Amino acid sequence: MKLDVSALIASVAGLTTVTQSVLHLIGTMTQNEKDLAQQLADAIAAEDPAAVQAVQDAMNQSATEITARTAELAQAVTDNTTTPPTPPAAPLSSDPVTQSKRANPSAA
C-alpha cells in the first residue's frame, strides 16, 4: 500500500511560503526603519529643516504602511485559524468510592 502525502507536502510548502513572506516583510520593514533613523540623524546633523521634514514625512508613511500591514496580517491569521474542538468531558467513574467523594466533597 502506498500512502499519498502530496496534500501534506503542498500544505507544508504553502505554510513555508507564507512564513518566508512574513519574515521577508518584517526584515524589509526593519531595514526601512533603520534607514529612516540614519536619514534623520544625518538631516539633524546637517541642520537641514527640509531634510528633517522629508524624513518625518517618510516616517509617517512608514507608520501608515506598518499599521495597514499589521491589520491585514492579523485578519489573515484570524480568518485562517481554526478553533480547536472542545475535548469531551471525562466520563463519570462507576467506582463507589469516587462517587461518594463526589457526592460529599467535605468527606474526602
Protein backbone atom coordinates (compact mmCIF):
# COMPACT_ATOMS: atom_id res chain seq x y z
CA MET A 1 0.00 0.00 0.00
CA LYS A 2 1.34 3.40 -0.97
CA LEU A 3 0.47 6.50 1.06
CA ASP A 4 -0.35 9.68 -0.80
CA VAL A 5 1.24 12.54 1.15
CA SER A 6 1.08 15.06 -1.68
CA ALA A 7 -1.61 17.14 0.09
CA LEU A 8 0.53 17.28 3.24
CA ILE A 9 3.60 18.28 1.23
CA ALA A 10 1.64 21.00 -0.55
CA SER A 11 0.26 22.28 2.74
CA VAL A 12 3.72 22.45 4.32
CA ALA A 13 5.12 24.13 1.22
CA GLY A 14 2.33 26.72 1.35
CA LEU A 15 2.94 27.36 5.02
CA THR A 16 6.66 27.69 4.39
CA THR A 17 5.99 30.19 1.61
CA VAL A 18 3.70 32.24 3.84
CA THR A 19 6.19 32.13 6.70
CA GLN A 20 9.02 33.17 4.39
CA SER A 21 6.91 36.03 3.06
CA VAL A 22 6.09 37.30 6.55
CA LEU A 23 9.74 37.06 7.62
CA HIS A 24 10.81 38.93 4.48
CA LEU A 25 8.21 41.62 5.13
CA ILE A 26 9.37 42.06 8.72
CA GLY A 27 13.01 42.16 7.64
CA THR A 28 12.27 44.76 4.97
CA MET A 29 10.29 46.90 7.37
CA THR A 30 13.04 46.68 9.99
CA GLN A 31 15.67 47.75 7.50
CA ASN A 32 13.46 50.60 6.32
CA GLU A 33 13.14 51.89 9.89
CA LYS A 34 16.92 51.68 10.38
CA ASP A 35 17.44 53.61 7.14
CA LEU A 36 14.97 56.28 8.22
CA ALA A 37 16.69 56.62 11.59
CA GLN A 38 20.03 57.17 9.84
CA GLN A 39 18.49 59.67 7.42
CA LEU A 40 17.01 61.56 10.36
CA ALA A 41 20.34 61.62 12.19
CA ASP A 42 22.05 62.89 9.03
CA ALA A 43 19.41 65.59 8.47
CA ILE A 44 19.67 66.78 12.07
CA ALA A 45 23.48 66.80 11.92
CA ALA A 46 23.32 68.84 8.72
CA GLU A 47 20.83 71.22 10.36
CA ASP A 48 18.67 70.90 7.24
CA PRO A 49 14.99 71.55 8.11
CA ALA A 50 13.81 70.44 4.66
CA ALA A 51 15.63 67.11 5.02
CA VAL A 52 14.25 66.65 8.54
CA GLN A 53 10.73 67.27 7.22
CA ALA A 54 11.29 64.82 4.35
CA VAL A 55 12.35 62.14 6.83
CA GLN A 56 9.36 62.97 9.05
CA ASP A 57 7.05 62.53 6.07
CA ALA A 58 8.72 59.21 5.20
CA MET A 59 8.39 58.04 8.82
CA ASN A 60 4.69 58.93 8.82
CA GLN A 61 4.19 57.00 5.59
CA SER A 62 6.08 54.04 7.02
CA ALA A 63 3.92 54.07 10.15
CA THR A 64 0.79 54.09 7.99
CA GLU A 65 2.06 51.11 5.99
CA ILE A 66 3.05 49.17 9.11
CA THR A 67 -0.39 49.75 10.62
CA ALA A 68 -2.13 48.61 7.44
CA ARG A 69 0.03 45.53 7.01
CA THR A 70 -0.29 44.61 10.67
CA ALA A 71 -4.08 44.78 10.38
CA GLU A 72 -4.02 42.72 7.16
CA LEU A 73 -1.76 40.09 8.72
CA ALA A 74 -3.85 39.90 11.89
CA GLN A 75 -7.01 39.49 9.83
CA ALA A 76 -5.43 36.78 7.67
CA VAL A 77 -4.30 34.86 10.75
CA THR A 78 -7.75 35.20 12.31
CA ASP A 79 -9.50 34.14 9.10
CA ASN A 80 -7.30 31.10 8.65
CA THR A 81 -7.08 29.87 12.23
CA THR A 82 -9.50 27.19 13.26
CA THR A 83 -10.72 26.93 16.82
CA PRO A 84 -9.77 23.56 18.25
CA PRO A 85 -12.73 21.44 19.26
CA THR A 86 -13.58 21.27 22.95
CA PRO A 87 -12.41 17.94 24.34
CA PRO A 88 -15.18 15.71 25.65
CA ALA A 89 -15.81 15.70 29.39
CA ALA A 90 -14.19 12.90 31.32
CA PRO A 91 -16.59 10.01 31.86
CA LEU A 92 -18.02 9.65 35.33
CA SER A 93 -16.47 6.90 37.36
CA SER A 94 -18.55 3.92 38.39
CA ASP A 95 -16.26 3.42 41.39
CA PRO A 96 -18.39 3.71 44.59
CA VAL A 97 -15.58 5.50 46.50
CA THR A 98 -15.22 8.15 43.78
CA GLN A 99 -19.00 8.59 43.65
CA SER A 100 -19.12 9.02 47.42
CA LYS A 101 -16.38 11.69 47.33
CA ARG A 102 -18.17 13.47 44.50
CA ALA A 103 -21.47 13.45 46.44
CA ASN A 104 -19.85 14.62 49.69
CA PRO A 105 -16.62 16.57 48.89
CA SER A 106 -16.01 17.53 52.54
CA ALA A 107 -15.64 13.87 53.45
CA ALA A 108 -12.62 13.49 51.12
